[in-house]
Amino acid sequence: MQIQEVKKENWKELRNLYLTLLSNDPDAFADNYSEIESRTRENWIDSLEKRGKTFVAVDDGKYIAMGRINFYEEIPGVPVLHKLGVLPEYRNRGIARKLIEVRERWAISEGAQKVRLYVMAEKTKTIEFSKKNGYIIVENLKGDVERSNGTWADVVVMEKVL
């Protein structure tokens, strides 16, 4: 297993992995399956070319896990880690931790002094995992993400000083 940056020519492999992750655990992400499924090749390439990076874990040529990091104008200097997911059959092997580490190292190389992430509030295991990796809760956003069924989910904002 190795961690590598996704290149734009591998957009389809990334798309397939993300759709699989969304189908396995649709409430883990702010995105919904049909929205992601309808994105075009150009949408995927544009997103890969934004100021940020997408990293994947690859096992025997297969994408098995992913994580994205982006800078956003709304919070200059503080990149956001998001879209962390590991296929169920590869969990509990330290892959998510490695994806966090590579994204944190990239953030440091870009001059960031801290990073942020957002977790769906009902994902208590993810919140605990993030705490174990040095993240602290800085804010709770009530009713921040609309679900495909019309309900609203709370989100926990977490940060880590690098």
Protein backbone atom coordinates (compact mmCIF):
# COMPACT_ATOMS: atom_id res chain seq x y z
CA MET A 1 0.00 0.00 0.00
CA GLN A 2 1.26 3.44 -0.89
CA ILE A 3 -0.03 7.01 -0.61
CA GLN A 4 0.09 9.16 -3.73
CA GLU A 5 -1.29 12.40 -5.09
CA VAL A 6 -4.11 12.05 -7.61
CA LYS A 7 -3.22 13.40 -11.04
CA LYS A 8 -5.92 14.80 -13.30
CA GLU A 9 -5.64 11.86 -15.70
CA ASN A 10 -6.78 9.60 -12.83
CA TRP A 11 -10.01 11.49 -12.19
CA LYS A 12 -12.16 8.48 -13.09
CA GLU A 13 -10.50 6.19 -10.51
CA LEU A 14 -11.00 8.89 -7.88
CA ARG A 15 -14.64 9.32 -8.91
CA ASN A 16 -15.26 5.59 -8.64
CA LEU A 17 -13.67 5.40 -5.20
CA TYR A 18 -15.66 8.39 -3.91
CA LEU A 19 -18.93 6.98 -5.25
CA THR A 20 -18.18 3.67 -3.54
CA LEU A 21 -17.43 5.46 -0.26
CA LEU A 22 -20.65 7.46 -0.57
CA SER A 23 -22.70 4.35 -1.25
CA ASN A 24 -21.16 2.57 1.78
CA ASP A 25 -21.68 5.47 4.20
CA PRO A 26 -23.80 8.27 2.67
CA ASP A 27 -24.04 10.20 5.94
CA ALA A 28 -20.27 10.50 6.38
CA PHE A 29 -19.95 13.22 3.75
CA ALA A 30 -21.65 16.51 2.96
CA ASP A 31 -21.90 15.43 -0.69
CA ASN A 32 -24.65 13.15 -1.90
CA TYR A 33 -24.29 10.28 -4.34
CA SER A 34 -26.46 11.61 -7.17
CA GLU A 35 -24.70 15.00 -7.11
CA ILE A 36 -21.28 13.38 -7.35
CA GLU A 37 -22.41 10.82 -9.93
CA SER A 38 -23.60 13.62 -12.23
CA ARG A 39 -20.30 15.55 -12.17
CA THR A 40 -18.55 15.70 -15.52
CA ARG A 41 -14.94 14.93 -16.38
CA GLU A 42 -14.31 18.68 -16.53
CA ASN A 43 -15.79 19.14 -13.02
CA TRP A 44 -13.43 16.50 -11.65
CA ILE A 45 -10.37 17.94 -13.37
CA ASP A 46 -11.26 21.48 -12.25
CA SER A 47 -11.57 20.33 -8.65
CA LEU A 48 -8.19 18.58 -8.82
CA GLU A 49 -6.58 21.76 -10.13
CA LYS A 50 -7.82 24.02 -7.30
CA ARG A 51 -5.36 25.15 -4.63
CA GLY A 52 -5.15 21.91 -2.77
CA LYS A 53 -4.32 18.25 -3.20
CA THR A 54 -6.14 14.94 -3.23
CA PHE A 55 -4.23 11.95 -1.93
CA VAL A 56 -5.20 8.31 -2.27
CA ALA A 57 -4.03 5.06 -0.78
CA VAL A 58 -3.33 2.52 -3.50
CA ASP A 59 -3.13 -1.23 -2.98
CA ASP A 60 -2.09 -3.37 -5.92
CA GLY A 61 -3.18 -0.64 -8.35
CA LYS A 62 -6.58 -0.15 -6.69
CA TYR A 63 -7.67 3.11 -5.01
CA ILE A 64 -8.71 2.08 -1.49
CA ALA A 65 -8.83 5.36 0.45
CA MET A 66 -8.79 9.09 -0.15
CA GLY A 67 -8.40 12.47 1.50
CA ARG A 68 -8.49 16.04 0.14
CA ILE A 69 -7.00 19.28 1.47
CA ASN A 70 -7.93 22.74 0.17
CA PHE A 71 -7.34 26.39 0.90
CA TYR A 72 -10.47 28.55 0.82
CA GLU A 73 -10.75 32.33 0.57
CA GLU A 74 -13.14 32.39 3.55
CA ILE A 75 -10.41 31.16 5.92
CA PRO A 76 -7.10 32.31 4.41
CA GLY A 77 -4.01 30.48 5.59
CA VAL A 78 -5.96 27.61 7.19
CA PRO A 79 -6.40 24.66 4.84
CA VAL A 80 -9.31 22.28 5.33
CA LEU A 81 -8.93 18.51 5.38
CA HIS A 82 -11.96 16.78 3.96
CA LYS A 83 -13.32 13.78 2.08
CA LEU A 84 -11.39 11.29 4.20
CA GLY A 85 -12.65 7.79 3.52
CA VAL A 86 -11.32 4.23 3.56
CA LEU A 87 -13.06 1.28 1.94
CA PRO A 88 -14.55 -0.94 4.69
CA GLU A 89 -12.36 -3.95 3.95
CA TYR A 90 -9.20 -1.81 4.45
CA ARG A 91 -10.13 -0.08 7.71
CA ASN A 92 -8.20 -0.37 10.99
CA ARG A 93 -4.84 -0.61 9.22
CA GLY A 94 -3.57 2.93 9.83
CA ILE A 95 -4.44 4.15 6.33
CA ALA A 96 -6.59 7.08 7.49
CA ARG A 97 -3.78 8.20 9.81
CA LYS A 98 -1.30 8.13 6.92
CA LEU A 99 -3.68 10.22 4.81
CA ILE A 100 -3.93 12.76 7.63
CA GLU A 101 -0.14 12.91 7.98
CA VAL A 102 0.53 13.47 4.26
CA ARG A 103 -2.05 16.25 4.11
CA GLU A 104 -0.65 17.92 7.24
CA ARG A 105 2.88 17.79 5.76
CA TRP A 106 1.57 19.38 2.56
CA ALA A 107 -0.13 22.12 4.60
CA ILE A 108 3.14 22.86 6.40
CA SER A 109 4.97 23.02 3.04
CA GLU A 110 2.42 25.64 1.96
CA GLY A 111 3.07 27.78 5.06
CA ALA A 112 0.01 26.78 7.11
CA GLN A 113 0.33 26.87 10.89
CA LYS A 114 -2.91 25.04 11.56
CA VAL A 115 -5.46 22.92 9.70
CA ARG A 116 -9.18 22.49 10.04
CA LEU A 117 -11.68 19.73 9.41
CA TYR A 118 -15.44 19.31 9.57
CA VAL A 119 -17.11 16.18 10.90
CA MET A 120 -20.78 15.25 10.83
CA ALA A 121 -21.78 15.50 14.49
CA GLU A 122 -23.35 12.03 14.59
CA LYS A 123 -20.01 10.48 13.52
CA THR A 124 -18.70 10.14 17.08
CA LYS A 125 -16.03 7.58 16.10
CA THR A 126 -14.63 10.04 13.56
CA ILE A 127 -14.61 12.81 16.16
CA GLU A 128 -12.76 10.56 18.62
CA PHE A 129 -10.31 9.49 15.89
CA SER A 130 -9.65 13.16 15.10
CA LYS A 131 -9.06 13.95 18.78
CA LYS A 132 -6.55 11.08 18.98
CA ASN A 133 -4.73 12.72 16.08
CA GLY A 134 -4.42 16.08 17.85
CA TYR A 135 -7.57 17.89 16.71
CA ILE A 136 -9.74 19.86 19.09
CA ILE A 137 -13.34 20.96 18.71
CA VAL A 138 -13.55 24.71 18.07
CA GLU A 139 -17.18 25.08 16.99
CA ASN A 140 -20.50 23.25 16.59
CA LEU A 141 -22.61 24.21 13.58
CA LYS A 142 -26.28 23.37 14.08
CA GLY A 143 -28.24 22.35 10.99
CA ASP A 144 -25.32 23.09 8.67
CA VAL A 145 -25.68 20.40 5.98
CA GLU A 146 -28.89 19.52 4.17
CA ARG A 147 -29.34 15.81 3.55
CA SER A 148 -30.99 14.34 0.46
CA ASN A 149 -34.01 13.37 2.60
CA GLY A 150 -34.61 17.04 3.51
CA THR A 151 -33.24 16.86 7.06
CA TRP A 152 -30.39 19.00 8.35
CA ALA A 153 -27.24 17.63 9.98
CA ASP A 154 -25.06 19.26 12.61
CA VAL A 155 -21.33 19.60 11.95
CA VAL A 156 -18.40 19.74 14.36
CA VAL A 157 -15.48 22.01 13.41
CA MET A 158 -12.08 20.79 14.59
CA GLU A 159 -8.59 22.29 14.29
CA LYS A 160 -5.00 21.30 14.91
CA VAL A 161 -1.95 23.50 15.35
CA LEU A 162 0.87 22.18 13.17
